[in-house]
Amino acid sequence: MMFMVSDKASLELKKVMESEANKGKNLILYFIGAGCSGPSLGMALDDSTDGLVELNSNQINAYIEPKLKEYLDQIGEIKVDYITNEHGEGYKISVGDSDCGAGGCAGCAGHHE
C-alpha cells in the first residue's frame, strides 16, 4: 500500500474535512523539500484535483502530484498519523520505510543496514 492513514488521523481528518468551511474540499499532500531525514510532505485542503493522483486509506481520499507518486513507487509509502505529546498535538507525515526516510546522514546509518 502506498498510502496509510492511522485510525486517529482518519477521525481527525474527517472532522476537519466535514466542517462547514471545508465541505467539498479535497486533501492534497504536497512535497515541501528534502533533507537528511528524507522528503518532507505538507497537507492542504483545496477545491481542485486537476492532474493529481488519488490515494485512499481508512476512509480518507488524498491527492498527490504524479511525480510524487513515481517517487513513492521507489522509496515506499506515505504514513499519516495524529500524535499527542508534551509539545501538543498534530499530524505527522512519514515518507518511506524507515524513520530516517531516504536521507543519507551518518546518524541514520544504523537504520539502513
PDB file of N, CA and C in Angstrom:
ATOM      1  N   MET A   1       0.845  -1.190   0.000  1.00  0.00           N
ATOM      2  CA  MET A   1       0.000   0.000   0.000  1.00  0.00           C
ATOM      3  C   MET A   1       0.886   1.248   0.000  1.00  0.00           C
ATOM      4  N   MET A   2       0.548   2.210  -0.809  1.00  0.00           N
ATOM      5  CA  MET A   2       1.346   3.427  -0.952  1.00  0.00           C
ATOM      6  C   MET A   2       0.938   4.516   0.034  1.00  0.00           C
ATOM      7  N   PHE A   3      -0.228   4.387   0.639  1.00  0.00           N
ATOM      8  CA  PHE A   3      -0.780   5.439   1.486  1.00  0.00           C
ATOM      9  C   PHE A   3      -1.462   4.787   2.677  1.00  0.00           C
ATOM     10  N   MET A   4      -1.068   5.187   3.890  1.00  0.00           N
ATOM     11  CA  MET A   4      -1.649   4.607   5.085  1.00  0.00           C
ATOM     12  C   MET A   4      -2.020   5.720   6.069  1.00  0.00           C
ATOM     13  N   VAL A   5      -3.276   5.738   6.496  1.00  0.00           N
ATOM     14  CA  VAL A   5      -3.766   6.722   7.462  1.00  0.00           C
ATOM     15  C   VAL A   5      -4.178   5.965   8.723  1.00  0.00           C
ATOM     16  N   SER A   6      -3.632   6.375   9.871  1.00  0.00           N
ATOM     17  CA  SER A   6      -3.985   5.717  11.126  1.00  0.00           C
ATOM     18  C   SER A   6      -5.444   6.006  11.481  1.00  0.00           C
ATOM     19  N   ASP A   7      -5.992   5.213  12.377  1.00  0.00           N
ATOM     20  CA  ASP A   7      -7.373   5.412  12.821  1.00  0.00           C
ATOM     21  C   ASP A   7      -7.563   6.804  13.427  1.00  0.00           C
ATOM     22  N   LYS A   8      -6.628   7.221  14.277  1.00  0.00           N
ATOM     23  CA  LYS A   8      -6.732   8.535  14.931  1.00  0.00           C
ATOM     24  C   LYS A   8      -6.661   9.660  13.897  1.00  0.00           C
ATOM     25  N   ALA A   9      -5.734   9.551  12.945  1.00  0.00           N
ATOM     26  CA  ALA A   9      -5.617  10.581  11.907  1.00  0.00           C
ATOM     27  C   ALA A   9      -6.878  10.620  11.046  1.00  0.00           C
ATOM     28  N   SER A  10      -7.443   9.458  10.750  1.00  0.00           N
ATOM     29  CA  SER A  10      -8.664   9.401   9.955  1.00  0.00           C
ATOM     30  C   SER A  10      -9.805  10.148  10.658  1.00  0.00           C
ATOM     31  N   LEU A  11      -9.963   9.892  11.957  1.00  0.00           N
ATOM     32  CA  LEU A  11     -11.017  10.582  12.717  1.00  0.00           C
ATOM     33  C   LEU A  11     -10.819  12.097  12.710  1.00  0.00           C
ATOM     34  N   GLU A  12      -9.573  12.533  12.940  1.00  0.00           N
ATOM     35  CA  GLU A  12      -9.285  13.975  12.985  1.00  0.00           C
ATOM     36  C   GLU A  12      -9.451  14.622  11.611  1.00  0.00           C
ATOM     37  N   LEU A  13      -9.001  13.948  10.558  1.00  0.00           N
ATOM     38  CA  LEU A  13      -9.153  14.491   9.204  1.00  0.00           C
ATOM     39  C   LEU A  13     -10.628  14.610   8.816  1.00  0.00           C
ATOM     40  N   LYS A  14     -11.419  13.611   9.185  1.00  0.00           N
ATOM     41  CA  LYS A  14     -12.856  13.661   8.878  1.00  0.00           C
ATOM     42  C   LYS A  14     -13.511  14.868   9.548  1.00  0.00           C
ATOM     43  N   LYS A  15     -13.136  15.144  10.800  1.00  0.00           N
ATOM     44  CA  LYS A  15     -13.703  16.312  11.498  1.00  0.00           C
ATOM     45  C   LYS A  15     -13.407  17.599  10.732  1.00  0.00           C
ATOM     46  N   VAL A  16     -12.167  17.741  10.302  1.00  0.00           N
ATOM     47  CA  VAL A  16     -11.758  18.954   9.577  1.00  0.00           C
ATOM     48  C   VAL A  16     -12.447  19.030   8.217  1.00  0.00           C
ATOM     49  N   MET A  17     -12.429  17.925   7.480  1.00  0.00           N
ATOM     50  CA  MET A  17     -12.965  17.921   6.121  1.00  0.00           C
ATOM     51  C   MET A  17     -14.492  18.029   6.081  1.00  0.00           C
ATOM     52  N   GLU A  18     -15.164  17.621   7.141  1.00  0.00           N
ATOM     53  CA  GLU A  18     -16.625  17.685   7.167  1.00  0.00           C
ATOM     54  C   GLU A  18     -17.143  18.973   7.789  1.00  0.00           C
ATOM     55  N   SER A  19     -16.234  19.837   8.248  1.00  0.00           N
ATOM     56  CA  SER A  19     -16.671  21.108   8.820  1.00  0.00           C
ATOM     57  C   SER A  19     -17.300  21.963   7.726  1.00  0.00           C
ATOM     58  N   GLU A  20     -18.145  22.886   8.129  1.00  0.00           N
ATOM     59  CA  GLU A  20     -18.866  23.735   7.172  1.00  0.00           C
ATOM     60  C   GLU A  20     -17.907  24.484   6.244  1.00  0.00           C
ATOM     61  N   ALA A  21     -16.815  24.966   6.788  1.00  0.00           N
ATOM     62  CA  ALA A  21     -15.855  25.749   5.993  1.00  0.00           C
ATOM     63  C   ALA A  21     -15.115  24.916   4.954  1.00  0.00           C
ATOM     64  N   ASN A  22     -15.015  23.596   5.154  1.00  0.00           N
ATOM     65  CA  ASN A  22     -14.215  22.758   4.267  1.00  0.00           C
ATOM     66  C   ASN A  22     -15.008  21.758   3.446  1.00  0.00           C
ATOM     67  N   LYS A  23     -16.339  21.792   3.544  1.00  0.00           N
ATOM     68  CA  LYS A  23     -17.156  20.843   2.781  1.00  0.00           C
ATOM     69  C   LYS A  23     -16.845  20.947   1.291  1.00  0.00           C
ATOM     70  N   GLY A  24     -16.632  19.796   0.667  1.00  0.00           N
ATOM     71  CA  GLY A  24     -16.366  19.759  -0.759  1.00  0.00           C
ATOM     72  C   GLY A  24     -14.907  19.949  -1.130  1.00  0.00           C
ATOM     73  N   LYS A  25     -14.054  20.223  -0.138  1.00  0.00           N
ATOM     74  CA  LYS A  25     -12.628  20.383  -0.428  1.00  0.00           C
ATOM     75  C   LYS A  25     -11.936  19.027  -0.333  1.00  0.00           C
ATOM     76  N   ASN A  26     -10.800  18.925  -1.000  1.00  0.00           N
ATOM     77  CA  ASN A  26     -10.042  17.683  -1.063  1.00  0.00           C
ATOM     78  C   ASN A  26      -8.721  17.815  -0.322  1.00  0.00           C
ATOM     79  N   LEU A  27      -8.261  16.703   0.235  1.00  0.00           N
ATOM     80  CA  LEU A  27      -6.982  16.677   0.927  1.00  0.00           C
ATOM     81  C   LEU A  27      -5.869  16.507  -0.101  1.00  0.00           C
ATOM     82  N   ILE A  28      -4.940  17.457  -0.112  1.00  0.00           N
ATOM     83  CA  ILE A  28      -3.814  17.435  -1.035  1.00  0.00           C
ATOM     84  C   ILE A  28      -2.539  17.251  -0.209  1.00  0.00           C
ATOM     85  N   LEU A  29      -1.729  16.267  -0.579  1.00  0.00           N
ATOM     86  CA  LEU A  29      -0.409  16.078   0.022  1.00  0.00           C
ATOM     87  C   LEU A  29       0.610  16.582  -0.984  1.00  0.00           C
ATOM     88  N   TYR A  30       1.544  17.410  -0.533  1.00  0.00           N
ATOM     89  CA  TYR A  30       2.498  18.013  -1.463  1.00  0.00           C
ATOM     90  C   TYR A  30       3.913  17.970  -0.901  1.00  0.00           C
ATOM     91  N   PHE A  31       4.879  17.987  -1.803  1.00  0.00           N
ATOM     92  CA  PHE A  31       6.295  17.928  -1.471  1.00  0.00           C
ATOM     93  C   PHE A  31       6.764  19.289  -0.981  1.00  0.00           C
ATOM     94  N   ILE A  32       7.403  19.311   0.198  1.00  0.00           N
ATOM     95  CA  ILE A  32       7.943  20.553   0.749  1.00  0.00           C
ATOM     96  C   ILE A  32       9.426  20.667   0.434  1.00  0.00           C
ATOM     97  N   GLY A  33      10.153  19.584   0.602  1.00  0.00           N
ATOM     98  CA  GLY A  33      11.592  19.584   0.374  1.00  0.00           C
ATOM     99  C   GLY A  33      12.191  18.314   0.946  1.00  0.00           C
ATOM    100  N   ALA A  34      13.510  18.192   0.837  1.00  0.00           N
ATOM    101  CA  ALA A  34      14.189  17.009   1.352  1.00  0.00           C
ATOM    102  C   ALA A  34      15.403  17.438   2.147  1.00  0.00           C
ATOM    103  N   GLY A  35      15.689  16.674   3.161  1.00  0.00           N
ATOM    104  CA  GLY A  35      16.850  16.932   3.995  1.00  0.00           C
ATOM    105  C   GLY A  35      17.488  15.631   4.394  1.00  0.00           C
ATOM    106  N   CYS A  36      18.266  15.670   5.450  1.00  0.00           N
ATOM    107  CA  CYS A  36      18.976  14.499   5.934  1.00  0.00           C
ATOM    108  C   CYS A  36      18.033  13.336   6.242  1.00  0.00           C
ATOM    109  N   SER A  37      16.857  13.639   6.748  1.00  0.00           N
ATOM    110  CA  SER A  37      15.931  12.570   7.117  1.00  0.00           C
ATOM    111  C   SER A  37      14.984  12.194   5.992  1.00  0.00           C
ATOM    112  N   GLY A  38      15.249  12.672   4.793  1.00  0.00           N
ATOM    113  CA  GLY A  38      14.424  12.298   3.651  1.00  0.00           C
ATOM    114  C   GLY A  38      13.444  13.389   3.279  1.00  0.00           C
ATOM    115  N   PRO A  39      12.461  13.049   2.439  1.00  0.00           N
ATOM    116  CA  PRO A  39      11.496  14.044   1.950  1.00  0.00           C
ATOM    117  C   PRO A  39      10.500  14.474   3.022  1.00  0.00           C
ATOM    118  N   SER A  40      10.051  15.708   2.924  1.00  0.00           N
ATOM    119  CA  SER A  40       9.017  16.240   3.812  1.00  0.00           C
ATOM    120  C   SER A  40       7.786  16.567   2.988  1.00  0.00           C
ATOM    121  N   LEU A  41       6.629  16.212   3.519  1.00  0.00           N
ATOM    122  CA  LEU A  41       5.365  16.497   2.846  1.00  0.00           C
ATOM    123  C   LEU A  41       4.510  17.399   3.719  1.00  0.00           C
ATOM    124  N   GLY A  42       3.661  18.176   3.072  1.00  0.00           N
ATOM    125  CA  GLY A  42       2.691  19.001   3.756  1.00  0.00           C
ATOM    126  C   GLY A  42       1.296  18.593   3.319  1.00  0.00           C
ATOM    127  N   MET A  43       0.290  19.112   4.026  1.00  0.00           N
ATOM    128  CA  MET A  43      -1.110  18.832   3.703  1.00  0.00           C
ATOM    129  C   MET A  43      -1.858  20.143   3.565  1.00  0.00           C
ATOM    130  N   ALA A  44      -2.819  20.165   2.651  1.00  0.00           N
ATOM    131  CA  ALA A  44      -3.681  21.327   2.478  1.00  0.00           C
ATOM    132  C   ALA A  44      -5.038  20.840   1.977  1.00  0.00           C
ATOM    133  N   LEU A  45      -6.037  21.691   2.096  1.00  0.00           N
ATOM    134  CA  LEU A  45      -7.356  21.405   1.533  1.00  0.00           C
ATOM    135  C   LEU A  45      -7.568  22.338   0.355  1.00  0.00           C
ATOM    136  N   ASP A  46      -8.066  21.782  -0.753  1.00  0.00           N
ATOM    137  CA  ASP A  46      -8.249  22.573  -1.966  1.00  0.00           C
ATOM    138  C   ASP A  46      -9.446  22.037  -2.736  1.00  0.00           C
ATOM    139  N   ASP A  47     -10.016  22.902  -3.573  1.00  0.00           N
ATOM    140  CA  ASP A  47     -11.156  22.502  -4.399  1.00  0.00           C
ATOM    141  C   ASP A  47     -10.732  21.665  -5.608  1.00  0.00           C
ATOM    142  N   SER A  48      -9.581  21.971  -6.172  1.00  0.00           N
ATOM    143  CA  SER A  48      -9.165  21.363  -7.425  1.00  0.00           C
ATOM    144  C   SER A  48      -8.259  20.158  -7.228  1.00  0.00           C
ATOM    145  N   THR A  49      -8.510  19.113  -8.025  1.00  0.00           N
ATOM    146  CA  THR A  49      -7.632  17.949  -8.048  1.00  0.00           C
ATOM    147  C   THR A  49      -7.162  17.669  -9.476  1.00  0.00           C
ATOM    148  N   ASP A  50      -7.257  18.672 -10.337  1.00  0.00           N
ATOM    149  CA  ASP A  50      -6.876  18.511 -11.742  1.00  0.00           C
ATOM    150  C   ASP A  50      -5.438  18.013 -11.871  1.00  0.00           C
ATOM    151  N   GLY A  51      -5.267  16.910 -12.573  1.00  0.00           N
ATOM    152  CA  GLY A  51      -3.947  16.369 -12.843  1.00  0.00           C
ATOM    153  C   GLY A  51      -3.316  15.617 -11.688  1.00  0.00           C
ATOM    154  N   LEU A  52      -4.042  15.445 -10.595  1.00  0.00           N
ATOM    155  CA  LEU A  52      -3.484  14.777  -9.426  1.00  0.00           C
ATOM    156  C   LEU A  52      -3.907  13.305  -9.381  1.00  0.00           C
ATOM    157  N   VAL A  53      -3.141  12.511  -8.646  1.00  0.00           N
ATOM    158  CA  VAL A  53      -3.394  11.080  -8.489  1.00  0.00           C
ATOM    159  C   VAL A  53      -4.088  10.852  -7.143  1.00  0.00           C
ATOM    160  N   GLU A  54      -5.162  10.068  -7.155  1.00  0.00           N
ATOM    161  CA  GLU A  54      -5.916   9.815  -5.925  1.00  0.00           C
ATOM    162  C   GLU A  54      -5.350   8.619  -5.169  1.00  0.00           C
ATOM    163  N   LEU A  55      -5.259   8.775  -3.849  1.00  0.00           N
ATOM    164  CA  LEU A  55      -4.859   7.703  -2.942  1.00  0.00           C
ATOM    165  C   LEU A  55      -5.975   7.523  -1.915  1.00  0.00           C
ATOM    166  N   ASN A  56      -6.168   6.306  -1.425  1.00  0.00           N
ATOM    167  CA  ASN A  56      -7.225   6.028  -0.453  1.00  0.00           C
ATOM    168  C   ASN A  56      -6.691   5.175   0.689  1.00  0.00           C
ATOM    169  N   SER A  57      -7.092   5.525   1.910  1.00  0.00           N
ATOM    170  CA  SER A  57      -6.771   4.711   3.076  1.00  0.00           C
ATOM    171  C   SER A  57      -7.702   5.078   4.215  1.00  0.00           C
ATOM    172  N   ASN A  58      -8.233   4.082   4.871  1.00  0.00           N
ATOM    173  CA  ASN A  58      -9.004   4.273   6.110  1.00  0.00           C
ATOM    174  C   ASN A  58     -10.091   5.349   5.938  1.00  0.00           C
ATOM    175  N   GLN A  59     -10.821   5.277   4.833  1.00  0.00           N
ATOM    176  CA  GLN A  59     -11.930   6.185   4.512  1.00  0.00           C
ATOM    177  C   GLN A  59     -11.486   7.621   4.229  1.00  0.00           C
ATOM    178  N   ILE A  60     -10.203   7.805   3.918  1.00  0.00           N
ATOM    179  CA  ILE A  60      -9.680   9.126   3.564  1.00  0.00           C
ATOM    180  C   ILE A  60      -9.158   9.075   2.133  1.00  0.00           C
ATOM    181  N   ASN A  61      -9.590  10.026   1.319  1.00  0.00           N
ATOM    182  CA  ASN A  61      -9.081  10.196  -0.039  1.00  0.00           C
ATOM    183  C   ASN A  61      -8.112  11.373  -0.017  1.00  0.00           C
ATOM    184  N   ALA A  62      -6.954  11.181  -0.607  1.00  0.00           N
ATOM    185  CA  ALA A  62      -5.970  12.255  -0.712  1.00  0.00           C
ATOM    186  C   ALA A  62      -5.460  12.279  -2.139  1.00  0.00           C
ATOM    187  N   TYR A  63      -4.864  13.385  -2.515  1.00  0.00           N
ATOM    188  CA  TYR A  63      -4.373  13.576  -3.880  1.00  0.00           C
ATOM    189  C   TYR A  63      -2.926  14.036  -3.842  1.00  0.00           C
ATOM    190  N   ILE A  64      -2.112  13.495  -4.784  1.00  0.00           N
ATOM    191  CA  ILE A  64      -0.714  13.881  -4.909  1.00  0.00           C
ATOM    192  C   ILE A  64      -0.381  14.120  -6.377  1.00  0.00           C
ATOM    193  N   GLU A  65       0.725  14.829  -6.628  1.00  0.00           N
ATOM    194  CA  GLU A  65       1.182  15.045  -7.990  1.00  0.00           C
ATOM    195  C   GLU A  65       1.734  13.737  -8.557  1.00  0.00           C
ATOM    196  N   PRO A  66       1.590  13.516  -9.867  1.00  0.00           N
ATOM    197  CA  PRO A  66       2.116  12.281 -10.472  1.00  0.00           C
ATOM    198  C   PRO A  66       3.608  12.065 -10.211  1.00  0.00           C
ATOM    199  N   LYS A  67       4.406  13.141 -10.200  1.00  0.00           N
ATOM    200  CA  LYS A  67       5.847  12.990  -9.944  1.00  0.00           C
ATOM    201  C   LYS A  67       6.105  12.461  -8.538  1.00  0.00           C
ATOM    202  N   LEU A  68       5.300  12.877  -7.575  1.00  0.00           N
ATOM    203  CA  LEU A  68       5.443  12.381  -6.210  1.00  0.00           C
ATOM    204  C   LEU A  68       5.075  10.902  -6.152  1.00  0.00           C
ATOM    205  N   LYS A  69       4.069  10.494  -6.904  1.00  0.00           N
ATOM    206  CA  LYS A  69       3.693   9.079  -6.942  1.00  0.00           C
ATOM    207  C   LYS A  69       4.843   8.247  -7.495  1.00  0.00           C
ATOM    208  N   GLU A  70       5.489   8.705  -8.563  1.00  0.00           N
ATOM    209  CA  GLU A  70       6.629   7.987  -9.130  1.00  0.00           C
ATOM    210  C   GLU A  70       7.733   7.837  -8.087  1.00  0.00           C
ATOM    211  N   TYR A  71       7.974   8.891  -7.331  1.00  0.00           N
ATOM    212  CA  TYR A  71       8.989   8.875  -6.286  1.00  0.00           C
ATOM    213  C   TYR A  71       8.623   7.863  -5.193  1.00  0.00           C
ATOM    214  N   LEU A  72       7.369   7.852  -4.794  1.00  0.00           N
ATOM    215  CA  LEU A  72       6.911   6.923  -3.759  1.00  0.00           C
ATOM    216  C   LEU A  72       7.006   5.475  -4.219  1.00  0.00           C
ATOM    217  N   ASP A  73       6.804   5.246  -5.507  1.00  0.00           N
ATOM    218  CA  ASP A  73       6.935   3.894  -6.045  1.00  0.00           C
ATOM    219  C   ASP A  73       8.337   3.348  -5.788  1.00  0.00           C
ATOM    220  N   GLN A  74       9.319   4.256  -5.698  1.00  0.00           N
ATOM    221  CA  GLN A  74      10.701   3.852  -5.485  1.00  0.00           C
ATOM    222  C   GLN A  74      11.068   3.744  -4.006  1.00  0.00           C
ATOM    223  N   ILE A  75      10.590   4.648  -3.154  1.00  0.00           N
ATOM    224  CA  ILE A  75      11.081   4.690  -1.774  1.00  0.00           C
ATOM    225  C   ILE A  75      10.109   4.157  -0.724  1.00  0.00           C
ATOM    226  N   GLY A  76       8.863   4.009  -1.040  1.00  0.00           N
ATOM    227  CA  GLY A  76       7.925   3.494  -0.036  1.00  0.00           C
ATOM    228  C   GLY A  76       6.666   4.316   0.064  1.00  0.00           C
ATOM    229  N   GLU A  77       6.001   4.195   1.194  1.00  0.00           N
ATOM    230  CA  GLU A  77       4.675   4.770   1.337  1.00  0.00           C
ATOM    231  C   GLU A  77       4.646   6.058   2.153  1.00  0.00           C
ATOM    232  N   ILE A  78       3.498   6.727   2.074  1.00  0.00           N
ATOM    233  CA  ILE A  78       3.197   7.878   2.925  1.00  0.00           C
ATOM    234  C   ILE A  78       2.370   7.352   4.094  1.00  0.00           C
ATOM    235  N   LYS A  79       2.784   7.710   5.305  1.00  0.00           N
ATOM    236  CA  LYS A  79       2.029   7.332   6.503  1.00  0.00           C
ATOM    237  C   LYS A  79       1.585   8.609   7.196  1.00  0.00           C
ATOM    238  N   VAL A  80       0.279   8.726   7.451  1.00  0.00           N
ATOM    239  CA  VAL A  80      -0.259   9.894   8.150  1.00  0.00           C
ATOM    240  C   VAL A  80      -0.783   9.425   9.501  1.00  0.00           C
ATOM    241  N   ASP A  81      -0.317  10.090  10.556  1.00  0.00           N
ATOM    242  CA  ASP A  81      -0.754   9.756  11.908  1.00  0.00           C
ATOM    243  C   ASP A  81      -1.129  11.051  12.616  1.00  0.00           C
ATOM    244  N   TYR A  82      -1.835  10.930  13.700  1.00  0.00           N
ATOM    245  CA  TYR A  82      -2.173  12.087  14.542  1.00  0.00           C
ATOM    246  C   TYR A  82      -1.602  11.779  15.911  1.00  0.00           C
ATOM    247  N   ILE A  83      -0.667  12.613  16.362  1.00  0.00           N
ATOM    248  CA  ILE A  83       0.024  12.329  17.612  1.00  0.00           C
ATOM    249  C   ILE A  83      -0.253  13.403  18.657  1.00  0.00           C
ATOM    250  N   THR A  84      -0.179  12.979  19.900  1.00  0.00           N
ATOM    251  CA  THR A  84      -0.311  13.879  21.046  1.00  0.00           C
ATOM    252  C   THR A  84       0.878  13.607  21.959  1.00  0.00           C
ATOM    253  N   ASN A  85       1.595  14.671  22.327  1.00  0.00           N
ATOM    254  CA  ASN A  85       2.715  14.526  23.262  1.00  0.00           C
ATOM    255  C   ASN A  85       2.856  15.801  24.086  1.00  0.00           C
ATOM    256  N   GLU A  86       3.946  15.910  24.827  1.00  0.00           N
ATOM    257  CA  GLU A  86       4.138  17.058  25.710  1.00  0.00           C
ATOM    258  C   GLU A  86       4.239  18.387  24.968  1.00  0.00           C
ATOM    259  N   HIS A  87       4.497  18.347  23.672  1.00  0.00           N
ATOM    260  CA  HIS A  87       4.601  19.567  22.870  1.00  0.00           C
ATOM    261  C   HIS A  87       3.279  19.992  22.241  1.00  0.00           C
ATOM    262  N   GLY A  88       2.270  19.144  22.346  1.00  0.00           N
ATOM    263  CA  GLY A  88       0.971  19.454  21.742  1.00  0.00           C
ATOM    264  C   GLY A  88       0.459  18.275  20.946  1.00  0.00           C
ATOM    265  N   GLU A  89      -0.322  18.588  19.932  1.00  0.00           N
ATOM    266  CA  GLU A  89      -0.876  17.535  19.087  1.00  0.00           C
ATOM    267  C   GLU A  89      -0.918  18.006  17.651  1.00  0.00           C
ATOM    268  N   GLY A  90      -0.926  17.034  16.740  1.00  0.00           N
ATOM    269  CA  GLY A  90      -0.992  17.383  15.330  1.00  0.00           C
ATOM    270  C   GLY A  90      -0.693  16.181  14.451  1.00  0.00           C
ATOM    271  N   TYR A  91      -0.706  16.431  13.160  1.00  0.00           N
ATOM    272  CA  TYR A  91      -0.482  15.383  12.179  1.00  0.00           C
ATOM    273  C   TYR A  91       1.011  15.144  11.989  1.00  0.00           C
ATOM    274  N   LYS A  92       1.359  13.883  11.806  1.00  0.00           N
ATOM    275  CA  LYS A  92       2.731  13.502  11.492  1.00  0.00           C
ATOM    276  C   LYS A  92       2.684  12.764  10.165  1.00  0.00           C
ATOM    277  N   ILE A  93       3.447  13.249   9.191  1.00  0.00           N
ATOM    278  CA  ILE A  93       3.511  12.610   7.881  1.00  0.00           C
ATOM    279  C   ILE A  93       4.900  12.008   7.728  1.00  0.00           C
ATOM    280  N   SER A  94       4.965  10.696   7.553  1.00  0.00           N
ATOM    281  CA  SER A  94       6.225   9.990   7.337  1.00  0.00           C
ATOM    282  C   SER A  94       6.262   9.492   5.901  1.00  0.00           C
ATOM    283  N   VAL A  95       7.452   9.497   5.328  1.00  0.00           N
ATOM    284  CA  VAL A  95       7.623   9.022   3.958  1.00  0.00           C
ATOM    285  C   VAL A  95       8.723   7.978   3.943  1.00  0.00           C
ATOM    286  N   GLY A  96       8.470   6.864   3.284  1.00  0.00           N
ATOM    287  CA  GLY A  96       9.475   5.817   3.182  1.00  0.00           C
ATOM    288  C   GLY A  96       9.289   4.746   4.223  1.00  0.00           C
ATOM    289  N   ASP A  97      10.237   3.831   4.245  1.00  0.00           N
ATOM    290  CA  ASP A  97      10.119   2.643   5.091  1.00  0.00           C
ATOM    291  C   ASP A  97      10.774   2.753   6.452  1.00  0.00           C
ATOM    292  N   SER A  98      11.575   3.791   6.689  1.00  0.00           N
ATOM    293  CA  SER A  98      12.220   3.914   7.991  1.00  0.00           C
ATOM    294  C   SER A  98      12.000   5.296   8.564  1.00  0.00           C
ATOM    295  N   ASP A  99      12.308   5.455   9.832  1.00  0.00           N
ATOM    296  CA  ASP A  99      12.180   6.751  10.482  1.00  0.00           C
ATOM    297  C   ASP A  99      13.147   7.775   9.901  1.00  0.00           C
ATOM    298  N   CYS A 100      14.179   7.292   9.249  1.00  0.00           N
ATOM    299  CA  CYS A 100      15.177   8.201   8.684  1.00  0.00           C
ATOM    300  C   CYS A 100      14.878   8.536   7.236  1.00  0.00           C
ATOM    301  N   GLY A 101      13.827   7.993   6.678  1.00  0.00           N
ATOM    302  CA  GLY A 101      13.463   8.302   5.299  1.00  0.00           C
ATOM    303  C   GLY A 101      14.536   7.842   4.335  1.00  0.00           C
ATOM    304  N   ALA A 102      14.724   8.597   3.276  1.00  0.00           N
ATOM    305  CA  ALA A 102      15.688   8.221   2.252  1.00  0.00           C
ATOM    306  C   ALA A 102      16.983   9.003   2.390  1.00  0.00           C
ATOM    307  N   GLY A 103      17.159   9.673   3.498  1.00  0.00           N
ATOM    308  CA  GLY A 103      18.342  10.511   3.699  1.00  0.00           C
ATOM    309  C   GLY A 103      19.596   9.703   3.877  1.00  0.00           C
ATOM    310  N   GLY A 104      20.725  10.370   3.872  1.00  0.00           N
ATOM    311  CA  GLY A 104      21.988   9.672   3.966  1.00  0.00           C
ATOM    312  C   GLY A 104      22.878  10.189   5.073  1.00  0.00           C
ATOM    313  N   CYS A 105      22.352  10.807   6.098  1.00  0.00           N
ATOM    314  CA  CYS A 105      23.213  11.338   7.146  1.00  0.00           C
ATOM    315  C   CYS A 105      23.777  10.224   8.010  1.00  0.00           C
ATOM    316  N   ALA A 106      24.910  10.468   8.625  1.00  0.00           N
ATOM    317  CA  ALA A 106      25.586   9.455   9.426  1.00  0.00           C
ATOM    318  C   ALA A 106      24.719   8.985  10.592  1.00  0.00           C
ATOM    319  N   GLY A 107      23.920   9.865  11.168  1.00  0.00           N
ATOM    320  CA  GLY A 107      23.088   9.499  12.297  1.00  0.00           C
ATOM    321  C   GLY A 107      22.043   8.471  11.966  1.00  0.00           C
ATOM    322  N   CYS A 108      21.722   8.306  10.707  1.00  0.00           N
ATOM    323  CA  CYS A 108      20.702   7.346  10.288  1.00  0.00           C
ATOM    324  C   CYS A 108      21.322   6.058   9.759  1.00  0.00           C
ATOM    325  N   ALA A 109      22.651   5.990   9.690  1.00  0.00           N
ATOM    326  CA  ALA A 109      23.315   4.856   9.038  1.00  0.00           C
ATOM    327  C   ALA A 109      22.887   3.511   9.615  1.00  0.00           C
ATOM    328  N   GLY A 110      22.716   3.438  10.922  1.00  0.00           N
ATOM    329  CA  GLY A 110      22.326   2.172  11.539  1.00  0.00           C
ATOM    330  C   GLY A 110      20.961   1.684  11.128  1.00  0.00           C
ATOM    331  N   HIS A 111      20.102   2.587  10.722  1.00  0.00           N
ATOM    332  CA  HIS A 111      18.737   2.217  10.322  1.00  0.00           C
ATOM    333  C   HIS A 111      18.677   1.633   8.924  1.00  0.00           C
ATOM    334  N   HIS A 112      19.722   1.830   8.126  1.00  0.00           N
ATOM    335  CA  HIS A 112      19.697   1.367   6.735  1.00  0.00           C
ATOM    336  C   HIS A 112      20.406   0.044   6.539  1.00  0.00           C
ATOM    337  N   GLU A 113      20.938  -0.538   7.604  1.00  0.00           N
ATOM    338  CA  GLU A 113      21.698  -1.802   7.450  1.00  0.00           C
ATOM    339  C   GLU A 113      20.770  -2.962   7.194  1.00  0.00           C
TER     340      GLU A 113
END
